[in-house]
């Protein structure tokens, strides 16, 4: 049983390891995206700092935090580990209140028409594994 649990954790870590190999950096209000990684482990702060940037629309991101509320069938509200809040658009049911990793694409709110949000592609429950990856 212990081997099964250890193997499951290893598989989960390996599945998300590429997402955790780089992170966004913000310095003095100027934020830069990590390079050379399909999924960018980032923060809501970085996503919001790049709002209305055409080059950042559809950027694949991974964010860690909790879904704080479900608004309707597709709209959720998410708070990351730094306290940043953003709206999620998801066809997938998301758990409210658990620490998870969201993988999705940035959906810009150009000219402030509609909300800046993340279109969710997938999510994973990380539990204690997230503490190791910090």
Foldseek 3Di string as FASTA:
>chain_A
DVVVVVVVLVVVCVVCVLQLPAEWDADPLDIDFDPDGQEHEYALSNLVSCAQPPVQFFRKYKFKFFFAADDDQFWTWTAGPVGDIFIEGENDDDDGPAIKIFIFTWHHCHVVPDGTYTYTPDMDGQPPVVVVSD
